[in-house]
C-alpha atoms as a PDB file:
ATOM      1  CA  UNK A   1      29.584   8.384  21.488  1.00  0.00           C
ATOM      2  CA  UNK A   2      28.356   6.165  18.661  1.00  0.00           C
ATOM      3  CA  UNK A   3      25.043   7.055  17.115  1.00  0.00           C
ATOM      4  CA  UNK A   4      22.256   4.588  16.644  1.00  0.00           C
ATOM      5  CA  UNK A   5      22.151   2.658  13.387  1.00  0.00           C
ATOM      6  CA  UNK A   6      19.481   0.952  11.342  1.00  0.00           C
ATOM      7  CA  UNK A   7      19.857  -2.707  10.414  1.00  0.00           C
ATOM      8  CA  UNK A   8      18.594  -3.914   7.033  1.00  0.00           C
ATOM      9  CA  UNK A   9      15.552  -5.673   8.452  1.00  0.00           C
ATOM     10  CA  UNK A  10      14.846  -7.634   5.254  1.00  0.00           C
ATOM     11  CA  UNK A  11      18.363  -9.068   5.344  1.00  0.00           C
ATOM     12  CA  UNK A  12      17.920  -9.800   9.046  1.00  0.00           C
ATOM     13  CA  UNK A  13      14.743 -11.763   8.316  1.00  0.00           C
ATOM     14  CA  UNK A  14      16.440 -13.675   5.483  1.00  0.00           C
ATOM     15  CA  UNK A  15      19.417 -14.574   7.684  1.00  0.00           C
ATOM     16  CA  UNK A  16      17.154 -15.660  10.541  1.00  0.00           C
ATOM     17  CA  UNK A  17      15.275 -17.939   8.145  1.00  0.00           C
ATOM     18  CA  UNK A  18      18.495 -19.343   6.655  1.00  0.00           C
ATOM     19  CA  UNK A  19      19.877 -20.160  10.081  1.00  0.00           C
ATOM     20  CA  UNK A  20      16.478 -21.295  11.399  1.00  0.00           C
ATOM     21  CA  UNK A  21      16.657 -18.774  14.228  1.00  0.00           C
ATOM     22  CA  UNK A  22      13.534 -17.682  16.036  1.00  0.00           C
ATOM     23  CA  UNK A  23      13.538 -14.397  17.909  1.00  0.00           C
ATOM     24  CA  UNK A  24      14.019 -16.403  21.108  1.00  0.00           C
ATOM     25  CA  UNK A  25      17.006 -18.365  19.729  1.00  0.00           C
ATOM     26  CA  UNK A  26      18.606 -15.225  18.300  1.00  0.00           C
ATOM     27  CA  UNK A  27      18.204 -13.560  21.688  1.00  0.00           C
ATOM     28  CA  UNK A  28      19.934 -16.491  23.388  1.00  0.00           C
ATOM     29  CA  UNK A  29      22.819 -16.406  20.878  1.00  0.00           C
ATOM     30  CA  UNK A  30      23.333 -12.630  20.906  1.00  0.00           C
ATOM     31  CA  UNK A  31      22.442 -11.681  24.465  1.00  0.00           C
ATOM     32  CA  UNK A  32      20.102  -9.036  23.006  1.00  0.00           C
ATOM     33  CA  UNK A  33      16.588  -8.932  24.427  1.00  0.00           C
ATOM     34  CA  UNK A  34      13.715 -10.332  22.376  1.00  0.00           C
ATOM     35  CA  UNK A  35      12.003  -6.939  22.564  1.00  0.00           C
ATOM     36  CA  UNK A  36      15.035  -5.177  21.080  1.00  0.00           C
ATOM     37  CA  UNK A  37      15.415  -7.794  18.332  1.00  0.00           C
ATOM     38  CA  UNK A  38      11.742  -7.450  17.466  1.00  0.00           C
ATOM     39  CA  UNK A  39      12.056  -3.665  17.292  1.00  0.00           C
ATOM     40  CA  UNK A  40      15.144  -3.901  15.058  1.00  0.00           C
ATOM     41  CA  UNK A  41      13.402  -6.437  12.811  1.00  0.00           C
ATOM     42  CA  UNK A  42      10.544  -3.959  12.492  1.00  0.00           C
ATOM     43  CA  UNK A  43      12.772  -1.109  11.340  1.00  0.00           C
ATOM     44  CA  UNK A  44      13.727   0.648  14.582  1.00  0.00           C
ATOM     45  CA  UNK A  45      17.281   1.802  15.189  1.00  0.00           C
ATOM     46  CA  UNK A  46      19.672   0.148  17.622  1.00  0.00           C
ATOM     47  CA  UNK A  47      23.112   0.779  19.034  1.00  0.00           C
ATOM     48  CA  UNK A  48      26.131  -0.094  16.917  1.00  0.00           C
ATOM     49  CA  UNK A  49      27.096  -2.684  19.576  1.00  0.00           C
ATOM     50  CA  UNK A  50      23.715  -4.400  19.186  1.00  0.00           C
ATOM     51  CA  UNK A  51      24.091  -4.433  15.397  1.00  0.00           C
ATOM     52  CA  UNK A  52      27.526  -6.035  15.842  1.00  0.00           C
ATOM     53  CA  UNK A  53      26.072  -8.800  18.028  1.00  0.00           C
ATOM     54  CA  UNK A  54      23.363  -9.519  15.463  1.00  0.00           C
ATOM     55  CA  UNK A  55      25.895  -9.541  12.617  1.00  0.00           C
ATOM     56  CA  UNK A  56      28.135 -11.995  14.497  1.00  0.00           C
ATOM     57  CA  UNK A  57      25.208 -14.387  14.914  1.00  0.00           C
ATOM     58  CA  UNK A  58      24.860 -14.385  11.117  1.00  0.00           C
ATOM     59  CA  UNK A  59      28.640 -14.727  10.513  1.00  0.00           C
ATOM     60  CA  UNK A  60      28.610 -11.340   8.791  1.00  0.00           C
ATOM     61  CA  UNK A  61      30.521  -8.107   9.178  1.00  0.00           C
ATOM     62  CA  UNK A  62      28.336  -5.444  10.743  1.00  0.00           C
ATOM     63  CA  UNK A  63      28.788  -3.261   7.630  1.00  0.00           C
ATOM     64  CA  UNK A  64      26.937  -5.917   5.585  1.00  0.00           C
ATOM     65  CA  UNK A  65      23.928  -5.670   7.873  1.00  0.00           C
ATOM     66  CA  UNK A  66      23.484  -1.894   8.053  1.00  0.00           C
ATOM     67  CA  UNK A  67      21.223   0.097   5.752  1.00  0.00           C
ATOM     68  CA  UNK A  68      22.737   2.588   3.339  1.00  0.00           C
ATOM     69  CA  UNK A  69      21.420   5.519   5.411  1.00  0.00           C
ATOM     70  CA  UNK A  70      24.131   4.735   7.976  1.00  0.00           C
ATOM     71  CA  UNK A  71      26.955   5.636   5.586  1.00  0.00           C
END
């Protein structure tokens, strides 16, 4: 079973701004709930699968989006 991971929330915010994605739009693109996206953006952990969905929305590899503590 895959452990939970932490997304670099600063990078997430930057990418959302670059792509002009609101929490609602990112939710629609990723299929991840707005509540989960908000929690991740505020530093909470998420499943690896959720991190992958977020990374895909930003055209990034999931490894680019994870914090160093995940290594």
